[in-house]
Amino acid sequence: MDIDGIIQKISIWALPVLLAIILHEVAHGWVAEKLGDNTARWMGRLTLNPIKHIDPVGTILIPLGLVLLGSPFLFGYAKPVPIDFRKLHNPKRDMIWVALAGPATNLILALLSTALLALVMTLPTSLFWIIEPLALMCQASIIINMVLCIFNLIPLPPLDGGRIAVGLLPGPMAWQLSRLEPYGFMIIIALLVFGVLQNVIGPMVMGSSFWLINLVLPV
């Protein structure tokens, strides 16, 4: 990919990626506050200010690296919003809702991006100079949000799916699963290195993303 192609891809993906990962984290903190834990607000994390959420590796280096490698879709993450589960009204139950808030937000953003794509495609063709970039950004938003939604639902702590599973499982089983949290990211990296995650969630991500896109732009 030449330098112009790289710049074009960054300009298309930058805003959708930032919104997807920041709103994912803010949603965790917002729901936690509604359920009794105001840690995120106290630490200034219930904000859309990207400076408060940017992780140098997850928000910048990983997405940029994927762009340079010519990846068909991007992935990233922000600094996790701090949650003190002990402050929740019902920690085991409320943990489920706090964890679910992130993927649910990404799903909503994907649906809203689909609706916006449909609206963009109704613009007069004389506005082609703005239709194309907006349509590409909407498609990028659909893909990144479905990536974050599906990936984070993997039932492995510290991912959201792992916390949901811990909240749903009976005590002994929940405790056994929660013990994996310190090793969760190492397990995820190993699964990525051996291509397991790509083979499992890749078809789900691309299938759901292109289904939404094709609702507006049928092949």
Protein backbone atom coordinates (compact mmCIF):
# COMPACT_ATOMS: atom_id res chain seq x y z
CA MET A 1 0.00 0.00 0.00
CA ASP A 2 1.45 3.40 -1.01
CA ILE A 3 1.59 6.38 1.32
CA ASP A 4 -1.54 7.95 -0.19
CA GLY A 5 -3.45 4.72 0.39
CA ILE A 6 -2.26 4.56 3.99
CA ILE A 7 -3.30 8.16 4.66
CA GLN A 8 -6.69 7.53 3.06
CA LYS A 9 -7.27 4.41 5.15
CA ILE A 10 -6.27 6.18 8.38
CA SER A 11 -8.60 9.10 7.57
CA ILE A 12 -11.48 6.66 7.04
CA TRP A 13 -10.87 4.46 10.08
CA ALA A 14 -9.55 6.90 12.72
CA LEU A 15 -12.87 8.43 13.87
CA PRO A 16 -14.89 5.16 13.82
CA VAL A 17 -12.17 3.34 15.80
CA LEU A 18 -11.88 6.11 18.39
CA LEU A 19 -15.64 6.38 18.88
CA ALA A 20 -16.08 2.60 19.09
CA ILE A 21 -13.44 1.99 21.74
CA ILE A 22 -14.10 5.14 23.79
CA LEU A 23 -17.88 4.71 23.93
CA HIS A 24 -17.35 1.03 24.81
CA GLU A 25 -15.40 2.03 27.92
CA VAL A 26 -17.63 4.98 28.85
CA ALA A 27 -20.64 2.63 28.72
CA HIS A 28 -19.02 0.37 31.34
CA GLY A 29 -18.47 3.32 33.67
CA TRP A 30 -21.91 4.82 33.09
CA VAL A 31 -23.75 1.58 33.89
CA ALA A 32 -21.51 0.98 36.90
CA GLU A 33 -22.42 4.43 38.22
CA LYS A 34 -26.13 3.68 37.81
CA LEU A 35 -25.59 0.50 39.83
CA GLY A 36 -23.69 2.12 42.69
CA ASP A 37 -20.04 2.56 41.69
CA ASN A 38 -18.97 6.12 40.83
CA THR A 39 -15.24 5.28 40.52
CA ALA A 40 -15.15 6.07 36.80
CA ARG A 41 -16.72 9.51 37.30
CA TRP A 42 -14.49 10.25 40.28
CA MET A 43 -11.44 9.49 38.12
CA GLY A 44 -12.70 11.63 35.24
CA ARG A 45 -13.34 8.75 32.85
CA LEU A 46 -17.01 9.42 32.03
CA THR A 47 -16.00 11.74 29.22
CA LEU A 48 -15.66 11.60 25.45
CA ASN A 49 -12.30 13.38 25.68
CA PRO A 50 -10.01 10.88 23.88
CA ILE A 51 -6.98 11.96 25.92
CA LYS A 52 -8.58 10.41 29.00
CA HIS A 53 -9.02 7.05 27.27
CA ILE A 54 -6.16 6.61 24.80
CA ASP A 55 -3.84 3.68 25.42
CA PRO A 56 -0.62 4.16 23.41
CA VAL A 57 -0.54 0.51 22.35
CA GLY A 58 -4.22 -0.40 22.05
CA THR A 59 -5.54 2.88 20.66
CA ILE A 60 -2.63 3.92 18.44
CA LEU A 61 0.04 1.29 17.72
CA ILE A 62 -2.19 -1.75 17.12
CA PRO A 63 -4.70 0.00 14.80
CA LEU A 64 -1.85 1.80 12.97
CA GLY A 65 0.07 -1.45 12.61
CA LEU A 66 -2.98 -3.17 11.13
CA VAL A 67 -3.38 -0.29 8.65
CA LEU A 68 0.27 -0.62 7.57
CA LEU A 69 -0.15 -4.40 7.20
CA GLY A 70 -3.16 -3.86 4.98
CA SER A 71 -5.57 -5.64 7.31
CA PRO A 72 -9.16 -5.74 5.97
CA PHE A 73 -10.44 -4.58 9.36
CA LEU A 74 -8.99 -2.92 12.42
CA PHE A 75 -8.98 -3.66 16.13
CA GLY A 76 -8.06 -1.63 19.18
CA TYR A 77 -8.83 -0.89 22.79
CA ALA A 78 -8.78 2.02 25.21
CA LYS A 79 -7.57 2.16 28.79
CA PRO A 80 -10.10 0.14 30.82
CA VAL A 81 -12.50 2.28 32.83
CA PRO A 82 -11.89 1.57 36.55
CA ILE A 83 -14.74 -0.36 38.17
CA ASP A 84 -14.91 -1.24 41.88
CA PHE A 85 -17.27 -4.20 41.85
CA ARG A 86 -17.49 -4.12 45.65
CA LYS A 87 -19.45 -0.86 45.41
CA LEU A 88 -22.14 -2.29 43.16
CA HIS A 89 -25.53 -2.88 44.77
CA ASN A 90 -25.37 -6.58 43.96
CA PRO A 91 -21.80 -7.30 42.77
CA LYS A 92 -22.34 -10.71 41.18
CA ARG A 93 -25.52 -9.72 39.36
CA ASP A 94 -24.52 -6.15 38.50
CA MET A 95 -21.16 -7.31 37.13
CA ILE A 96 -23.14 -8.87 34.27
CA TRP A 97 -24.82 -5.58 33.33
CA VAL A 98 -21.60 -3.57 33.62
CA ALA A 99 -19.73 -6.04 31.41
CA LEU A 100 -22.58 -6.31 28.90
CA ALA A 101 -22.72 -2.52 28.49
CA GLY A 102 -19.59 -2.39 26.33
CA PRO A 103 -20.52 -4.98 23.66
CA ALA A 104 -24.14 -3.74 23.69
CA THR A 105 -22.92 -0.21 22.95
CA ASN A 106 -20.84 -1.48 20.03
CA LEU A 107 -23.84 -3.35 18.64
CA ILE A 108 -25.98 -0.21 18.90
CA LEU A 109 -23.25 1.82 17.17
CA ALA A 110 -23.09 -0.75 14.36
CA LEU A 111 -26.86 -0.48 13.87
CA LEU A 112 -26.75 3.32 13.97
CA SER A 113 -23.92 3.29 11.42
CA THR A 114 -26.05 1.09 9.17
CA ALA A 115 -28.91 3.58 9.44
CA LEU A 116 -26.53 6.47 8.73
CA LEU A 117 -25.15 4.60 5.71
CA ALA A 118 -28.68 4.24 4.38
CA LEU A 119 -29.23 7.98 4.87
CA VAL A 120 -25.95 8.86 3.13
CA MET A 121 -26.94 6.77 0.13
CA THR A 122 -30.08 8.90 -0.32
CA LEU A 123 -28.00 12.06 -0.89
CA PRO A 124 -28.04 13.45 -4.43
CA THR A 125 -25.26 12.11 -6.66
CA SER A 126 -24.00 15.67 -7.13
CA LEU A 127 -22.60 15.31 -3.60
CA PHE A 128 -20.45 12.32 -4.64
CA TRP A 129 -17.38 14.04 -3.13
CA ILE A 130 -18.88 13.61 0.35
CA ILE A 131 -20.97 10.49 -0.22
CA GLU A 132 -17.99 8.19 -0.81
CA PRO A 133 -15.93 9.10 2.30
CA LEU A 134 -19.01 9.12 4.53
CA ALA A 135 -20.14 5.74 3.17
CA LEU A 136 -16.68 4.27 3.73
CA MET A 137 -16.59 5.63 7.30
CA CYS A 138 -20.00 4.12 8.02
CA GLN A 139 -18.82 0.75 6.71
CA ALA A 140 -15.65 1.02 8.79
CA SER A 141 -17.77 1.84 11.85
CA ILE A 142 -19.96 -1.21 11.28
CA ILE A 143 -16.92 -3.49 11.03
CA ILE A 144 -14.96 -2.14 14.02
CA ASN A 145 -18.04 -2.18 16.24
CA MET A 146 -18.89 -5.76 15.30
CA VAL A 147 -15.25 -6.73 15.94
CA LEU A 148 -15.37 -5.21 19.43
CA CYS A 149 -18.83 -6.59 20.18
CA ILE A 150 -18.07 -10.20 19.22
CA PHE A 151 -14.45 -10.30 20.45
CA ASN A 152 -15.36 -8.93 23.87
CA LEU A 153 -18.10 -11.54 24.30
CA ILE A 154 -15.54 -14.37 24.35
CA PRO A 155 -16.16 -16.02 27.77
CA LEU A 156 -12.65 -15.51 29.09
CA PRO A 157 -11.75 -13.02 31.85
CA PRO A 158 -10.81 -10.19 31.73
CA LEU A 159 -12.90 -9.80 28.56
CA ASP A 160 -16.50 -8.73 29.05
CA GLY A 161 -17.75 -12.18 28.11
CA GLY A 162 -15.64 -13.65 30.87
CA ARG A 163 -17.12 -11.30 33.46
CA ILE A 164 -20.62 -12.09 32.20
CA ALA A 165 -19.89 -15.81 32.53
CA VAL A 166 -18.53 -15.35 36.06
CA GLY A 167 -21.72 -13.51 36.99
CA LEU A 168 -23.95 -16.22 35.50
CA LEU A 169 -22.15 -19.37 36.66
CA PRO A 170 -22.72 -21.02 40.06
CA GLY A 171 -20.25 -20.05 42.80
CA PRO A 172 -17.58 -22.79 42.46
CA MET A 173 -17.56 -22.66 38.65
CA ALA A 174 -17.50 -18.84 38.66
CA TRP A 175 -14.54 -18.88 41.07
CA GLN A 176 -12.62 -21.34 38.88
CA LEU A 177 -13.21 -19.21 35.77
CA SER A 178 -12.27 -15.98 37.58
CA ARG A 179 -8.89 -17.52 38.46
CA LEU A 180 -7.98 -17.37 34.77
CA GLU A 181 -8.10 -13.55 34.72
CA PRO A 182 -4.36 -12.96 35.35
CA TYR A 183 -3.60 -15.22 32.37
CA GLY A 184 -6.46 -14.14 30.13
CA PHE A 185 -4.51 -11.91 27.77
CA MET A 186 -1.71 -14.45 27.44
CA ILE A 187 -4.30 -17.06 26.46
CA ILE A 188 -5.83 -14.63 23.94
CA ILE A 189 -2.41 -13.88 22.41
CA ALA A 190 -1.70 -17.61 22.11
CA LEU A 191 -5.07 -18.17 20.43
CA LEU A 192 -4.30 -15.32 18.02
CA VAL A 193 -0.80 -16.63 17.24
CA PHE A 194 -2.18 -20.07 16.38
CA GLY A 195 -5.05 -18.59 14.36
CA VAL A 196 -7.78 -20.05 16.56
CA LEU A 197 -9.55 -16.76 17.23
CA GLN A 198 -9.39 -15.68 13.61
CA ASN A 199 -10.96 -18.94 12.50
CA VAL A 200 -13.66 -18.83 15.19
CA ILE A 201 -14.73 -15.20 15.40
CA GLY A 202 -13.50 -14.01 11.99
CA PRO A 203 -16.44 -15.52 10.06
CA MET A 204 -18.90 -14.20 12.66
CA VAL A 205 -17.44 -10.68 12.50
CA MET A 206 -17.23 -10.46 8.73
CA GLY A 207 -20.54 -12.28 8.21
CA SER A 208 -22.48 -9.95 10.53
CA SER A 209 -20.69 -6.84 9.25
CA PHE A 210 -21.28 -7.56 5.59
CA TRP A 211 -24.88 -8.59 6.29
CA LEU A 212 -25.52 -5.14 7.79
CA ILE A 213 -23.67 -3.38 4.97
CA ASN A 214 -25.51 -5.40 2.32
CA LEU A 215 -28.83 -4.32 3.80
CA VAL A 216 -27.97 -0.92 2.33
CA LEU A 217 -25.50 -1.81 -0.42
CA PRO A 218 -26.70 -5.16 -1.82
CA VAL A 219 -24.20 -6.99 -3.99
